[in-house]
Protein backbone atom coordinates (compact mmCIF):
# COMPACT_ATOMS: atom_id res chain seq x y z
CA MET A 1 -44.51 -56.15 40.07
CA GLU A 2 -42.27 -53.78 38.11
CA LEU A 3 -39.48 -52.10 40.05
CA THR A 4 -38.95 -48.36 39.62
CA LEU A 5 -36.31 -46.39 41.50
CA GLU A 6 -35.66 -42.68 41.88
CA PRO A 7 -31.87 -42.58 42.23
CA ASN A 8 -31.78 -39.18 43.96
CA THR A 9 -33.87 -40.58 46.87
CA THR A 10 -32.29 -44.03 46.91
CA ALA A 11 -29.36 -45.35 48.94
CA LEU A 12 -27.46 -48.59 48.53
CA VAL A 13 -26.50 -49.91 51.96
CA LEU A 14 -23.83 -52.60 51.80
CA ILE A 15 -23.20 -54.57 54.96
CA ASP A 16 -19.81 -55.86 56.14
CA LEU A 17 -17.87 -56.21 52.89
CA GLN A 18 -14.72 -56.15 54.97
CA ARG A 19 -11.54 -58.18 55.09
CA SER A 20 -12.45 -60.24 58.17
CA ILE A 21 -15.73 -61.41 56.61
CA VAL A 22 -15.22 -61.55 52.84
CA GLY A 23 -12.63 -64.32 53.11
CA ARG A 24 -15.04 -66.78 54.71
CA PRO A 25 -16.69 -69.64 52.82
CA LEU A 26 -20.36 -68.67 52.54
CA ALA A 27 -23.43 -69.76 50.59
CA PRO A 28 -25.25 -69.73 48.30
CA HIS A 29 -23.14 -67.04 46.62
CA ALA A 30 -19.36 -66.86 46.78
CA THR A 31 -18.19 -63.71 48.53
CA ALA A 32 -16.20 -62.62 45.47
CA ASP A 33 -19.43 -62.65 43.44
CA VAL A 34 -21.32 -60.72 46.13
CA VAL A 35 -18.56 -58.11 46.27
CA ALA A 36 -18.48 -57.78 42.46
CA ARG A 37 -22.27 -57.38 42.22
CA SER A 38 -22.24 -54.89 45.08
CA ALA A 39 -19.56 -52.84 43.33
CA ARG A 40 -21.66 -52.82 40.13
CA LEU A 41 -24.72 -51.63 42.03
CA ALA A 42 -22.67 -48.96 43.80
CA ALA A 43 -21.15 -47.64 40.57
CA ALA A 44 -24.54 -47.53 38.83
CA LEU A 45 -26.37 -45.79 41.67
CA ARG A 46 -23.52 -43.35 42.27
CA ALA A 47 -23.49 -42.45 38.54
CA LYS A 48 -27.22 -41.62 38.73
CA GLY A 49 -26.81 -39.39 41.81
CA GLY A 50 -27.82 -41.88 44.49
CA LEU A 51 -26.13 -42.43 47.83
CA VAL A 52 -23.81 -45.36 48.52
CA VAL A 53 -23.23 -46.45 52.13
CA TYR A 54 -20.66 -49.00 53.23
CA VAL A 55 -21.14 -50.44 56.71
CA HIS A 56 -18.43 -52.28 58.58
CA VAL A 57 -18.57 -53.97 61.95
CA LEU A 58 -15.89 -53.23 64.51
CA ALA A 59 -16.01 -56.75 65.93
CA ASN A 60 -13.42 -56.05 68.62
CA GLU A 61 -15.82 -53.46 70.08
CA MET A 62 -18.95 -55.63 70.05
CA LEU A 63 -20.28 -56.53 73.46
CA ALA A 64 -19.48 -60.10 74.42
CA LEU A 65 -22.84 -60.97 75.92
CA PRO A 66 -23.53 -64.42 77.35
CA VAL A 67 -25.04 -66.43 74.48
CA ASP A 68 -25.12 -70.12 73.61
CA ALA A 69 -23.25 -69.74 70.33
CA PRO A 70 -20.93 -66.73 70.43
CA ALA A 71 -19.28 -65.54 67.24
CA PRO A 72 -15.72 -66.86 67.12
CA ARG A 73 -12.94 -64.32 67.58
CA PRO A 74 -9.24 -64.84 67.04
CA PRO A 75 -7.11 -64.89 70.19
CA GLY A 76 -6.19 -61.30 71.00
CA GLY A 77 -8.91 -59.96 68.71
CA TYR A 78 -8.81 -58.86 65.10
CA PRO A 79 -6.06 -56.67 63.66
CA PRO A 80 -7.25 -53.17 62.63
CA GLU A 81 -7.07 -53.96 58.88
CA ALA A 82 -9.68 -56.70 59.40
CA PHE A 83 -12.37 -54.02 59.45
CA GLU A 84 -11.37 -52.33 56.19
CA ILE A 85 -13.80 -52.50 53.28
CA VAL A 86 -12.21 -54.68 50.60
CA PRO A 87 -11.00 -52.60 47.63
CA GLU A 88 -12.98 -54.77 45.20
CA ALA A 89 -16.21 -53.43 46.75
CA GLY A 90 -15.56 -50.14 44.94
CA ARG A 91 -15.78 -47.67 47.82
CA GLN A 92 -15.22 -44.08 46.66
CA PRO A 93 -14.32 -40.93 48.64
CA GLY A 94 -17.86 -39.48 48.43
CA ASP A 95 -19.49 -42.61 49.85
CA VAL A 96 -20.69 -42.78 53.45
CA LEU A 97 -18.88 -45.14 55.81
CA VAL A 98 -20.73 -46.32 58.91
CA ALA A 99 -19.03 -48.19 61.74
CA LYS A 100 -21.34 -50.44 63.74
CA ARG A 101 -20.83 -52.39 66.91
CA GLN A 102 -23.92 -54.60 66.72
CA TRP A 103 -25.56 -56.68 64.00
CA GLY A 104 -27.74 -53.87 62.72
CA ALA A 105 -26.35 -50.71 61.12
CA PHE A 106 -28.88 -48.32 62.69
CA TYR A 107 -28.30 -49.01 66.39
CA GLY A 108 -25.75 -46.63 67.90
CA THR A 109 -24.72 -45.10 64.55
CA ASP A 110 -25.57 -42.01 62.51
CA LEU A 111 -26.97 -44.03 59.58
CA GLU A 112 -30.52 -42.75 59.92
CA LEU A 113 -29.28 -39.15 60.12
CA GLN A 114 -27.10 -39.63 57.03
CA LEU A 115 -30.07 -41.00 55.08
CA ARG A 116 -32.68 -38.49 56.28
CA ARG A 117 -30.41 -35.47 55.61
CA ARG A 118 -30.11 -36.59 52.00
CA GLY A 119 -33.82 -37.22 51.53
CA VAL A 120 -33.46 -40.97 51.10
CA LYS A 121 -36.76 -42.83 50.88
CA THR A 122 -35.64 -46.16 49.42
CA ILE A 123 -32.80 -48.42 50.55
CA ILE A 124 -31.30 -51.16 48.42
CA MET A 125 -29.80 -53.78 50.74
CA GLY A 126 -26.82 -56.04 50.07
CA GLY A 127 -23.84 -57.55 51.84
CA ILE A 128 -22.93 -60.20 54.35
CA ALA A 129 -24.59 -61.93 56.11
CA THR A 130 -28.11 -62.17 54.71
CA ASN A 131 -29.76 -63.37 57.91
CA ILE A 132 -27.60 -61.41 60.34
CA GLY A 133 -26.36 -57.91 59.47
CA VAL A 134 -28.51 -57.44 56.36
CA GLU A 135 -31.70 -58.67 58.01
CA SER A 136 -31.11 -56.76 61.24
CA THR A 137 -30.47 -53.53 59.34
CA ALA A 138 -33.48 -54.12 57.07
CA ARG A 139 -35.81 -54.68 60.02
CA ALA A 140 -34.77 -51.36 61.56
CA ALA A 141 -35.10 -49.58 58.19
CA PHE A 142 -38.58 -51.04 57.71
CA ASP A 143 -39.59 -49.94 61.22
CA GLN A 144 -38.42 -46.41 60.35
CA GLY A 145 -40.52 -46.24 57.20
CA PHE A 146 -37.93 -46.72 54.47
CA ALA A 147 -38.95 -48.59 51.33
CA LEU A 148 -36.68 -51.61 50.85
CA VAL A 149 -35.26 -53.46 47.86
CA PHE A 150 -33.18 -56.59 48.49
CA ALA A 151 -30.42 -57.41 46.02
CA ALA A 152 -30.87 -61.18 46.31
CA ASP A 153 -27.62 -62.17 44.60
CA ALA A 154 -25.57 -59.36 46.17
CA MET A 155 -25.82 -60.95 49.60
CA THR A 156 -24.86 -64.30 51.10
CA THR A 157 -24.61 -66.03 54.46
CA ILE A 158 -23.56 -69.12 56.39
CA SER A 159 -25.89 -71.50 54.55
CA ALA A 160 -28.04 -71.59 51.44
CA GLU A 161 -31.01 -72.54 53.62
CA ALA A 162 -30.70 -69.46 55.83
CA HIS A 163 -30.36 -67.25 52.76
CA ALA A 164 -33.41 -68.84 51.10
CA PHE A 165 -35.49 -68.44 54.24
CA CYS A 166 -34.85 -64.68 54.36
CA LEU A 167 -35.42 -64.19 50.63
CA GLY A 168 -38.50 -66.36 50.49
CA LEU A 169 -40.29 -65.58 53.73
CA THR A 170 -38.91 -62.55 55.60
CA PHE A 171 -37.76 -60.03 53.00
CA PRO A 172 -40.88 -60.12 50.78
CA ARG A 173 -42.88 -58.96 53.82
CA MET A 174 -40.64 -55.89 54.15
CA GLY A 175 -39.91 -54.95 50.56
CA ARG A 176 -39.08 -56.20 47.08
CA VAL A 177 -36.60 -58.97 46.37
CA ARG A 178 -34.82 -58.55 43.04
CA SER A 179 -31.63 -59.63 41.29
CA THR A 180 -28.73 -57.28 40.68
CA GLU A 181 -29.67 -57.19 36.99
CA GLN A 182 -33.27 -56.22 37.77
CA ILE A 183 -32.09 -53.43 40.07
CA LEU A 184 -29.60 -52.15 37.49
CA ALA A 185 -32.41 -52.10 34.89
CA ALA A 186 -34.63 -50.12 37.28
CA LEU A 187 -31.83 -47.57 37.69
CA GLY A 188 -31.71 -47.14 33.89
């Protein structure tokens, strides 16, 4: 199915391209490649009048609930610069920055308000991690009636298998899975 996008009603939502996450070894795509593709998507959508949203997780403020496999934290927590979006991601002054304290970017944030006020109907998803922050945010967006496009090579996670599961089984049930190049072509 051909992908068409209306930039003025489209937002690119990039999850957790921040210092504390981008340095980790992930798969199937290297984080440097994910960041570079995300920056290309952001520049292209911004140039066409679309909205670019960078989401970062304030991991020190996440609830430490009793779970079997808690996310590791450094002793004493993360330094404040750990939550900064990496410069290579291309964040610009007019972009929206959303701070989250859970996996998903909608819960407890003003993301939905930011999107609705600007008339956004379609969200392009990218970032880290495919099966955690990206998937959690996408599920909430789908539940709220946003059309979704997944930038398959502008996201990555802990394992190639987890990434493939989302792209092959979960995301196609919520939206359209496309490469960065296909999305750029749809933006013109």
